Amino acid sequence: MTVYALDRWAKRPKPIDARPLTLTLKTVPETVVRVDPAPDAGDPPGRSTRFAARHPVFRTEARLVGTVSGTVGGTAYSGDLSQK
């Protein structure tokens, strides 16, 4: 699974601190996945616009819904995520 960091208008990639994000999926039981930085070639050192994770839950046919969260510049952020 790949997560991209975008600007406030969700139009362009925005490099953020290259620290892992957390994906919490609303499964039974709840599934928590670490999403690691996977910088694109043009990302500045120590920053990333792309984050990736592998987990068996991604192999299921179920539509996945959850929250992705992380800290950028000392501020905690989170957002809803739903698989299309």
C-alpha atoms as a PDB file:
ATOM      1  CA  MET A   1       0.000   0.000   0.000  1.00  0.00           C
ATOM      2  CA  THR A   2       1.287   3.462  -0.831  1.00  0.00           C
ATOM      3  CA  VAL A   3       0.344   6.753   0.849  1.00  0.00           C
ATOM      4  CA  TYR A   4       1.298  10.115  -0.648  1.00  0.00           C
ATOM      5  CA  ALA A   5       1.755  13.383   1.264  1.00  0.00           C
ATOM      6  CA  LEU A   6      -0.013  16.169  -0.638  1.00  0.00           C
ATOM      7  CA  ASP A   7      -0.349  19.925  -0.227  1.00  0.00           C
ATOM      8  CA  ARG A   8      -3.405  21.419   1.515  1.00  0.00           C
ATOM      9  CA  TRP A   9      -5.343  21.394  -1.774  1.00  0.00           C
ATOM     10  CA  ALA A  10      -4.473  17.726  -2.424  1.00  0.00           C
ATOM     11  CA  LYS A  11      -3.058  18.727  -5.807  1.00  0.00           C
ATOM     12  CA  ARG A  12       0.727  18.365  -5.540  1.00  0.00           C
ATOM     13  CA  PRO A  13       3.158  16.188  -3.572  1.00  0.00           C
ATOM     14  CA  LYS A  14       4.493  17.873  -0.438  1.00  0.00           C
ATOM     15  CA  PRO A  15       7.650  16.473   1.178  1.00  0.00           C
ATOM     16  CA  ILE A  16       7.245  15.910   4.917  1.00  0.00           C
ATOM     17  CA  ASP A  17       9.536  14.535   7.632  1.00  0.00           C
ATOM     18  CA  ALA A  18      10.736  11.083   6.609  1.00  0.00           C
ATOM     19  CA  ARG A  19       9.374   9.359   9.718  1.00  0.00           C
ATOM     20  CA  PRO A  20       7.035   6.368   9.723  1.00  0.00           C
ATOM     21  CA  LEU A  21       3.280   6.910   9.666  1.00  0.00           C
ATOM     22  CA  THR A  22       0.706   4.695  11.392  1.00  0.00           C
ATOM     23  CA  LEU A  23      -2.237   3.160   9.579  1.00  0.00           C
ATOM     24  CA  THR A  24      -5.031   1.943  11.862  1.00  0.00           C
ATOM     25  CA  LEU A  25      -7.588  -0.171  10.001  1.00  0.00           C
ATOM     26  CA  LYS A  26     -11.137  -0.777  11.195  1.00  0.00           C
ATOM     27  CA  THR A  27     -10.932  -4.549  11.014  1.00  0.00           C
ATOM     28  CA  VAL A  28     -11.913  -7.126  13.627  1.00  0.00           C
ATOM     29  CA  PRO A  29      -9.609  -7.171  15.465  1.00  0.00           C
ATOM     30  CA  GLU A  30      -8.203  -3.732  14.689  1.00  0.00           C
ATOM     31  CA  THR A  31      -5.077  -3.812  12.478  1.00  0.00           C
ATOM     32  CA  VAL A  32      -2.208  -1.371  13.002  1.00  0.00           C
ATOM     33  CA  VAL A  33       0.391  -1.092  10.217  1.00  0.00           C
ATOM     34  CA  ARG A  34       3.624   0.887  10.152  1.00  0.00           C
ATOM     35  CA  VAL A  35       3.945   2.872   6.898  1.00  0.00           C
ATOM     36  CA  ASP A  36       7.608   3.649   6.193  1.00  0.00           C
ATOM     37  CA  PRO A  37       9.062   6.499   4.135  1.00  0.00           C
ATOM     38  CA  ALA A  38       9.830   5.518   0.522  1.00  0.00           C
ATOM     39  CA  PRO A  39      11.167   8.801  -0.883  1.00  0.00           C
ATOM     40  CA  ASP A  40      10.736   9.574  -4.569  1.00  0.00           C
ATOM     41  CA  ALA A  41      13.890  10.479  -6.518  1.00  0.00           C
ATOM     42  CA  GLY A  42      13.200  14.239  -6.272  1.00  0.00           C
ATOM     43  CA  ASP A  43      12.440  14.349  -2.541  1.00  0.00           C
ATOM     44  CA  PRO A  44      14.916  16.391  -0.462  1.00  0.00           C
ATOM     45  CA  PRO A  45      17.159  14.563   2.038  1.00  0.00           C
ATOM     46  CA  GLY A  46      15.313  13.641   5.248  1.00  0.00           C
ATOM     47  CA  ARG A  47      11.886  14.281   3.656  1.00  0.00           C
ATOM     48  CA  SER A  48       9.461  12.119   1.708  1.00  0.00           C
ATOM     49  CA  THR A  49       6.304  12.494  -0.346  1.00  0.00           C
ATOM     50  CA  ARG A  50       5.706   8.738  -0.548  1.00  0.00           C
ATOM     51  CA  PHE A  51       5.216   6.154   2.212  1.00  0.00           C
ATOM     52  CA  ALA A  52       4.717   2.412   1.742  1.00  0.00           C
ATOM     53  CA  ALA A  53       3.719  -0.682   3.705  1.00  0.00           C
ATOM     54  CA  ARG A  54       3.200  -4.389   3.158  1.00  0.00           C
ATOM     55  CA  HIS A  55       0.853  -6.431   5.325  1.00  0.00           C
ATOM     56  CA  PRO A  56      -1.297  -9.558   4.833  1.00  0.00           C
ATOM     57  CA  VAL A  57      -4.460  -7.503   5.416  1.00  0.00           C
ATOM     58  CA  PHE A  58      -3.854  -5.817   2.041  1.00  0.00           C
ATOM     59  CA  ARG A  59      -4.360  -9.182   0.300  1.00  0.00           C
ATOM     60  CA  THR A  60      -7.977  -9.461   1.406  1.00  0.00           C
ATOM     61  CA  GLU A  61     -10.943  -8.693  -0.834  1.00  0.00           C
ATOM     62  CA  ALA A  62     -12.573  -6.543   1.861  1.00  0.00           C
ATOM     63  CA  ARG A  63     -12.770  -2.767   1.384  1.00  0.00           C
ATOM     64  CA  LEU A  64     -10.361  -1.297   3.919  1.00  0.00           C
ATOM     65  CA  VAL A  65     -11.254   1.774   5.972  1.00  0.00           C
ATOM     66  CA  GLY A  66      -9.182   3.435   8.672  1.00  0.00           C
ATOM     67  CA  THR A  67      -7.003   6.349   9.749  1.00  0.00           C
ATOM     68  CA  VAL A  68      -3.467   7.308   8.799  1.00  0.00           C
ATOM     69  CA  SER A  69      -1.567   9.387  11.350  1.00  0.00           C
ATOM     70  CA  GLY A  70       1.874  10.852  11.931  1.00  0.00           C
ATOM     71  CA  THR A  71       3.808  13.800  13.265  1.00  0.00           C
ATOM     72  CA  VAL A  72       5.180  16.531  11.000  1.00  0.00           C
ATOM     73  CA  GLY A  73       7.276  19.362  12.369  1.00  0.00           C
ATOM     74  CA  GLY A  74       6.198  18.498  15.914  1.00  0.00           C
ATOM     75  CA  THR A  75       2.472  18.628  15.082  1.00  0.00           C
ATOM     76  CA  ALA A  76       0.326  15.468  15.087  1.00  0.00           C
ATOM     77  CA  TYR A  77      -1.905  14.943  12.053  1.00  0.00           C
ATOM     78  CA  SER A  78      -4.417  12.266  11.102  1.00  0.00           C
ATOM     79  CA  GLY A  79      -6.806  11.669   8.264  1.00  0.00           C
ATOM     80  CA  ASP A  80      -9.388   9.150   7.184  1.00  0.00           C
ATOM     81  CA  LEU A  81      -8.433   6.622   4.571  1.00  0.00           C
ATOM     82  CA  SER A  82     -10.664   4.401   2.484  1.00  0.00           C
ATOM     83  CA  GLN A  83      -9.755   1.971  -0.232  1.00  0.00           C
ATOM     84  CA  LYS A  84     -11.423   2.433  -3.607  1.00  0.00           C
END
